[in-house]
Amino acid sequence: MIGPPSNTQIWIAAGVTDLRRGFDGLSGLVQNKLEKSPLSGQVFIFRGRRGDLVKLIWFDGDGLCLFSKRLEEMNVSVRGRPRLTFHQNRSLRNEFMALRRVQALFPR
């Protein structure tokens, strides 16, 4: 199983993000609002207005990856600071790991 390094930092952006943004828009948010580099290898998570959609942006060493996840029974609510329940956090982490396994099946 291939996954991100154990010391990978995961950042959750506070507030609501316009999820119509793609690679360039979300990378710009990472640089301008979070003052981080989107090419750092860290994972950046953004939530939509309704709280049922999240997007992850991550640089895996070969290129920038953009993942999208629709939460069927969960809703990420944000008041001041983002708060995920244990199950939401585990679900996002499991999905991220599954996407890494799929990516490993299709090397470039």
Protein backbone atom coordinates (compact mmCIF):
# COMPACT_ATOMS: atom_id res chain seq x y z
CA MET A 1 0.00 0.00 0.00
CA ILE A 2 1.35 3.38 -0.99
CA GLY A 3 0.31 6.36 1.09
CA PRO A 4 1.52 9.78 2.05
CA PRO A 5 4.47 9.94 4.43
CA SER A 6 3.53 9.63 8.07
CA ASN A 7 4.66 13.18 8.77
CA THR A 8 2.38 14.73 6.12
CA GLN A 9 0.53 17.74 7.47
CA ILE A 10 -3.16 18.10 6.64
CA TRP A 11 -4.63 21.61 6.58
CA ILE A 12 -8.38 22.27 6.65
CA ALA A 13 -9.31 25.72 5.36
CA ALA A 14 -11.73 27.54 7.68
CA GLY A 15 -14.89 28.92 6.16
CA VAL A 16 -16.58 28.20 2.87
CA THR A 17 -14.76 27.88 -0.45
CA ASP A 18 -16.22 28.23 -3.94
CA LEU A 19 -15.60 24.67 -5.12
CA ARG A 20 -15.98 25.62 -8.77
CA ARG A 21 -12.29 26.45 -8.47
CA GLY A 22 -9.81 24.02 -9.94
CA PHE A 23 -6.06 23.55 -9.64
CA ASP A 24 -5.14 27.20 -10.18
CA GLY A 25 -7.86 28.69 -7.99
CA LEU A 26 -7.27 26.40 -5.02
CA SER A 27 -3.49 26.72 -5.38
CA GLY A 28 -3.93 30.49 -5.26
CA LEU A 29 -5.95 30.19 -2.06
CA VAL A 30 -3.24 28.05 -0.50
CA GLN A 31 -0.59 30.63 -1.39
CA ASN A 32 -2.52 33.82 -0.61
CA LYS A 33 -4.81 32.92 2.28
CA LEU A 34 -2.96 30.10 4.04
CA GLU A 35 0.49 31.46 3.12
CA LYS A 36 1.72 27.95 2.30
CA SER A 37 3.17 26.43 -0.84
CA PRO A 38 0.81 24.10 -2.73
CA LEU A 39 3.92 22.19 -3.87
CA SER A 40 5.03 21.42 -0.29
CA GLY A 41 3.57 17.90 -0.18
CA GLN A 42 1.05 18.92 2.49
CA VAL A 43 -2.66 18.17 2.01
CA PHE A 44 -5.09 21.09 1.86
CA ILE A 45 -8.82 20.47 2.35
CA PHE A 46 -11.60 22.89 1.37
CA ARG A 47 -15.35 22.58 2.05
CA GLY A 48 -18.29 23.74 -0.02
CA ARG A 49 -21.15 25.98 1.09
CA ARG A 50 -23.55 23.15 1.96
CA GLY A 51 -20.87 21.18 3.78
CA ASP A 52 -21.46 17.98 1.82
CA LEU A 53 -18.58 18.42 -0.63
CA VAL A 54 -14.87 18.72 0.06
CA LYS A 55 -11.89 19.10 -2.26
CA LEU A 56 -8.32 18.10 -1.45
CA ILE A 57 -5.29 19.48 -3.21
CA TRP A 58 -1.94 17.74 -2.81
CA PHE A 59 1.42 17.63 -4.56
CA ASP A 60 2.61 14.02 -4.75
CA GLY A 61 6.07 14.75 -6.14
CA ASP A 62 5.07 14.26 -9.79
CA GLY A 63 2.29 16.80 -10.05
CA LEU A 64 -0.59 18.49 -8.31
CA CYS A 65 -3.52 16.20 -7.43
CA LEU A 66 -7.08 17.42 -6.98
CA PHE A 67 -9.53 15.10 -5.26
CA SER A 68 -13.22 15.68 -4.72
CA LYS A 69 -15.40 13.88 -2.17
CA ARG A 70 -19.17 14.14 -1.72
CA LEU A 71 -20.18 13.27 1.84
CA GLU A 72 -23.44 11.30 1.69
CA GLU A 73 -24.47 11.11 5.35
CA MET A 74 -22.03 13.53 6.90
CA ASN A 75 -21.89 17.25 6.90
CA VAL A 76 -18.81 19.27 7.75
CA SER A 77 -19.93 22.24 9.82
CA VAL A 78 -17.56 25.09 10.38
CA ARG A 79 -17.96 27.77 13.02
CA GLY A 80 -14.78 29.72 13.45
CA ARG A 81 -12.59 26.63 13.33
CA PRO A 82 -13.26 23.56 11.24
CA ARG A 83 -14.38 20.62 13.35
CA LEU A 84 -14.61 17.14 11.98
CA THR A 85 -15.97 14.29 13.98
CA PHE A 86 -13.73 11.30 14.51
CA HIS A 87 -15.70 9.38 11.85
CA GLN A 88 -15.51 12.23 9.31
CA ASN A 89 -11.77 12.54 9.84
CA ARG A 90 -11.30 8.78 9.47
CA SER A 91 -13.52 8.72 6.37
CA LEU A 92 -11.52 11.48 4.66
CA ARG A 93 -8.22 9.82 5.57
CA ASN A 94 -9.43 6.42 4.27
CA GLU A 95 -10.61 8.01 1.03
CA PHE A 96 -7.29 9.75 0.61
CA MET A 97 -5.42 6.47 1.13
CA ALA A 98 -7.71 4.69 -1.37
CA LEU A 99 -7.04 7.36 -3.97
CA ARG A 100 -3.29 6.89 -3.44
CA ARG A 101 -3.68 3.13 -4.05
CA VAL A 102 -5.58 3.82 -7.28
CA GLN A 103 -2.91 6.30 -8.34
CA ALA A 104 -0.24 3.64 -7.78
CA LEU A 105 -2.05 1.32 -10.21
CA PHE A 106 -1.64 3.86 -13.03
CA PRO A 107 1.98 5.02 -12.97
CA ARG A 108 2.97 7.79 -15.33
